[in-house]
Protein backbone atom coordinates (compact mmCIF):
# COMPACT_ATOMS: atom_id res chain seq x y z
CA UNK A 1 2.43 -15.70 3.03
CA UNK A 2 5.72 -15.60 4.92
CA UNK A 3 7.83 -12.47 5.34
CA UNK A 4 10.23 -11.70 2.46
CA UNK A 5 13.89 -12.59 3.00
CA UNK A 6 15.39 -9.42 1.53
CA UNK A 7 15.99 -6.36 3.71
CA UNK A 8 15.81 -2.83 2.29
CA UNK A 9 19.00 -0.85 2.80
CA UNK A 10 17.78 2.51 1.56
CA UNK A 11 14.71 4.68 1.86
CA UNK A 12 13.53 7.57 -0.29
CA UNK A 13 11.21 10.54 0.15
CA UNK A 14 8.19 10.44 -2.14
CA UNK A 15 6.87 13.82 -1.02
CA UNK A 16 7.47 15.58 2.31
CA UNK A 17 6.07 13.32 5.03
CA UNK A 18 5.88 10.16 2.90
CA UNK A 19 8.75 7.68 2.50
CA UNK A 20 9.14 4.52 0.44
CA UNK A 21 11.40 1.48 0.50
CA UNK A 22 11.44 -1.54 -1.76
CA UNK A 23 12.97 -4.95 -2.28
CA UNK A 24 13.03 -7.75 -4.81
CA UNK A 25 10.45 -10.01 -3.21
CA UNK A 26 11.56 -13.65 -3.37
CA UNK A 27 8.02 -14.87 -2.71
CA UNK A 28 6.69 -13.47 -5.99
CA UNK A 29 9.91 -12.84 -7.96
CA UNK A 30 8.94 -9.21 -8.43
CA UNK A 31 9.42 -5.85 -6.79
CA UNK A 32 7.50 -4.98 -3.63
CA UNK A 33 7.23 -1.58 -1.96
CA UNK A 34 6.24 -0.27 1.46
CA UNK A 35 5.60 3.19 2.86
CA UNK A 36 5.81 5.32 5.98
CA UNK A 37 3.69 8.39 6.65
CA UNK A 38 5.02 10.92 9.15
CA UNK A 39 2.56 13.52 10.41
CA UNK A 40 2.86 15.55 13.59
CA UNK A 41 5.46 13.24 15.09
CA UNK A 42 3.34 10.16 14.35
CA UNK A 43 4.83 7.45 12.12
CA UNK A 44 2.49 5.01 10.37
CA UNK A 45 3.75 2.09 8.30
CA UNK A 46 1.74 0.95 5.29
CA UNK A 47 2.13 -2.68 4.18
CA UNK A 48 5.63 -2.81 5.75
CA UNK A 49 8.56 -4.76 4.32
CA UNK A 50 11.82 -5.64 6.09
CA UNK A 51 13.92 -2.51 6.62
CA UNK A 52 17.43 -2.23 8.05
CA UNK A 53 17.59 -1.56 11.79
CA UNK A 54 19.31 1.79 11.27
CA UNK A 55 16.70 3.04 8.83
CA UNK A 56 13.84 1.71 10.93
CA UNK A 57 15.11 3.62 13.97
CA UNK A 58 15.56 6.71 11.83
CA UNK A 59 11.85 6.81 11.02
CA UNK A 60 10.98 7.70 14.60
CA UNK A 61 8.37 6.21 16.89
CA UNK A 62 6.01 3.97 14.93
CA UNK A 63 2.52 4.11 16.39
CA UNK A 64 0.53 2.10 13.84
CA UNK A 65 0.75 -0.34 10.95
CA UNK A 66 -2.00 -0.18 8.33
CA UNK A 67 -2.62 -3.01 5.87
CA UNK A 68 -4.40 -2.45 2.57
CA UNK A 69 -5.23 -6.16 2.24
CA UNK A 70 -4.66 -9.53 3.88
CA UNK A 71 -1.95 -10.39 1.35
CA UNK A 72 0.18 -7.46 2.57
CA UNK A 73 0.87 -8.67 6.11
CA UNK A 74 4.58 -8.95 5.27
CA UNK A 75 6.59 -7.69 8.29
CA UNK A 76 3.55 -6.41 10.20
CA UNK A 77 3.54 -8.94 13.02
CA UNK A 78 7.27 -8.85 13.67
CA UNK A 79 7.16 -5.07 13.78
CA UNK A 80 4.14 -5.15 16.07
CA UNK A 81 6.11 -7.21 18.56
CA UNK A 82 9.28 -5.19 18.10
CA UNK A 83 7.79 -1.69 18.08
CA UNK A 84 4.59 -2.10 20.07
CA UNK A 85 2.56 -0.62 17.21
CA UNK A 86 -1.08 -1.50 16.65
CA UNK A 87 -1.97 -3.28 13.41
CA UNK A 88 -5.02 -2.11 11.47
CA UNK A 89 -6.46 -4.69 9.07
CA UNK A 90 -9.43 -4.61 6.68
CA UNK A 91 -12.71 -5.96 8.01
CA UNK A 92 -13.95 -8.92 6.01
CA UNK A 93 -10.50 -10.32 5.31
CA UNK A 94 -9.76 -13.80 6.59
CA UNK A 95 -6.76 -16.02 7.27
CA UNK A 96 -4.60 -13.38 8.92
CA UNK A 97 -1.43 -14.95 10.30
CA UNK A 98 -2.17 -13.10 13.56
CA UNK A 99 -5.27 -11.13 14.54
CA UNK A 100 -5.10 -7.39 13.83
CA UNK A 101 -5.54 -5.10 16.82
CA UNK A 102 -8.22 -3.11 15.01
CA UNK A 103 -10.41 -3.90 12.01
CA UNK A 104 -11.39 -0.96 9.82
CA UNK A 105 -14.02 -0.43 7.15
CA UNK A 106 -14.88 1.96 4.35
CA UNK A 107 -14.51 5.71 4.93
CA UNK A 108 -12.90 5.21 8.32
CA UNK A 109 -10.14 7.58 9.38
CA UNK A 110 -6.94 5.72 10.22
CA UNK A 111 -3.77 6.86 12.00
CA UNK A 112 -1.66 9.27 9.99
CA UNK A 113 -4.86 10.99 8.80
CA UNK A 114 -5.37 8.23 6.22
CA UNK A 115 -8.86 7.75 4.82
CA UNK A 116 -9.81 4.13 4.08
CA UNK A 117 -11.33 3.86 0.59
CA UNK A 118 -12.93 0.49 -0.16
CA UNK A 119 -11.41 -0.54 -3.47
CA UNK A 120 -12.01 -4.25 -4.16
CA UNK A 121 -9.12 -5.68 -6.12
CA UNK A 122 -7.56 -9.13 -6.20
CA UNK A 123 -9.72 -9.71 -3.10
CA UNK A 124 -12.97 -8.11 -1.96
CA UNK A 125 -11.48 -6.84 1.31
CA UNK A 126 -8.96 -4.60 -0.43
CA UNK A 127 -8.53 -0.90 0.35
CA UNK A 128 -6.78 2.20 -0.87
CA UNK A 129 -5.65 4.89 1.58
CA UNK A 130 -6.04 8.57 0.76
CA UNK A 131 -3.86 11.21 2.38
CA UNK A 132 -5.46 14.59 1.66
CA UNK A 133 -2.33 16.67 1.37
CA UNK A 134 -0.20 17.96 -1.51
CA UNK A 135 -3.01 17.44 -3.98
CA UNK A 136 -3.84 13.97 -2.68
CA UNK A 137 -1.59 10.97 -2.15
CA UNK A 138 -3.23 7.64 -2.87
CA UNK A 139 -1.84 4.31 -1.68
CA UNK A 140 -3.51 1.70 -3.89
CA UNK A 141 -2.14 -1.67 -2.82
CA UNK A 142 -2.52 -4.19 -5.65
CA UNK A 143 -4.98 -2.32 -7.87
CA UNK A 144 -2.17 -1.52 -10.30
CA UNK A 145 1.50 -2.40 -10.63
CA UNK A 146 4.29 -0.72 -12.55
CA UNK A 147 6.12 -2.76 -15.18
CA UNK A 148 8.70 -1.29 -17.53
CA UNK A 149 7.85 2.20 -16.21
CA UNK A 150 4.14 1.82 -17.10
CA UNK A 151 1.09 1.07 -15.01
CA UNK A 152 -0.59 -2.27 -15.59
CA UNK A 153 -2.98 -4.70 -13.93
CA UNK A 154 -1.91 -7.75 -11.98
CA UNK A 155 -2.30 -10.92 -14.03
CA UNK A 156 -5.87 -12.20 -14.01
CA UNK A 157 -4.70 -15.55 -12.63
CA UNK A 158 -3.85 -13.82 -9.34
CA UNK A 159 -7.28 -12.20 -8.93
CA UNK A 160 -10.63 -13.50 -7.73
CA UNK A 161 -12.55 -11.24 -10.14
CA UNK A 162 -10.44 -9.22 -12.61
CA UNK A 163 -13.43 -7.10 -13.67
CA UNK A 164 -13.88 -5.98 -10.08
CA UNK A 165 -10.35 -4.57 -10.02
CA UNK A 166 -11.01 -2.65 -13.25
CA UNK A 167 -14.12 -1.10 -11.71
CA UNK A 168 -12.17 0.00 -8.65
CA UNK A 169 -9.45 1.58 -10.77
CA UNK A 170 -12.04 3.53 -12.77
CA UNK A 171 -13.48 4.82 -9.49
CA UNK A 172 -10.04 6.04 -8.44
CA UNK A 173 -10.46 8.79 -11.00
CA UNK A 174 -13.35 10.17 -8.92
CA UNK A 175 -10.89 10.85 -6.08
CA UNK A 176 -8.66 13.94 -6.09
CA UNK A 177 -5.05 12.78 -6.14
CA UNK A 178 -1.73 13.78 -7.67
CA UNK A 179 0.55 11.01 -6.43
CA UNK A 180 0.09 7.23 -6.61
CA UNK A 181 1.90 4.83 -4.30
CA UNK A 182 1.90 1.22 -5.50
CA UNK A 183 2.74 -1.91 -3.53
CA UNK A 184 4.57 -3.30 -6.55
CA UNK A 185 6.52 -0.90 -8.73
CA UNK A 186 7.07 2.22 -6.66
CA UNK A 187 5.33 5.54 -7.20
CA UNK A 188 3.89 7.80 -9.86
CA UNK A 189 4.49 11.44 -8.96
CA UNK A 190 3.94 13.05 -12.35
CA UNK A 191 0.77 12.87 -14.41
CA UNK A 192 -0.59 10.11 -12.18
CA UNK A 193 -4.18 10.53 -13.31
CA UNK A 194 -3.15 10.40 -16.95
CA UNK A 195 -1.20 7.22 -16.27
CA UNK A 196 -4.24 5.58 -14.70
CA UNK A 197 -6.33 6.51 -17.73
CA UNK A 198 -3.64 5.13 -20.03
CA UNK A 199 -3.61 1.82 -18.13
CA UNK A 200 -7.38 1.53 -18.42
CA UNK A 201 -7.27 2.35 -22.12
CA UNK A 202 -4.47 -0.09 -22.86
CA UNK A 203 -6.37 -2.80 -21.01
CA UNK A 204 -9.65 -2.01 -22.74
CA UNK A 205 -11.30 -1.66 -19.34
């Protein structure tokens, strides 16, 4: 999927050391979000979207780009060429527009002290990233989206196996976290675990 046309003109702090920016994504006619993790002078982009030059420079030196799934390549390759950052992609994914520098698997430690958690979703090679700080910050890709201020599942028509995504979301509750970072809909910083349970209950999963 090609890079979105829109460029984010603002960035916000989710918690200290984690930043988010979002756009209206013309490719899917919905909101998309991307993140940066800053730890010890290291900047890691997660599923990056186009960001204004000024804000991109303001992040600092980007050392790595981590993709939760093949469908989140977005601005990764342009930023790899521009910034010289290595791209980490999930092993088992296919049809990358360009080859990742490094393929990762389950329970691997990624730059930014991110832990790769295999969480099959719309595709089998789909991962969540856990940052074990501030009670746990969990980047969950496409497992859930936020619509009208509530968590929900992506439409079944956009998933290989909808039941697989439900299983992965239930397993999220086995992980200690306080903050959820979604690729579509922003973040949940209050009562995140309760919101996940509510989404499962509303779905009947």
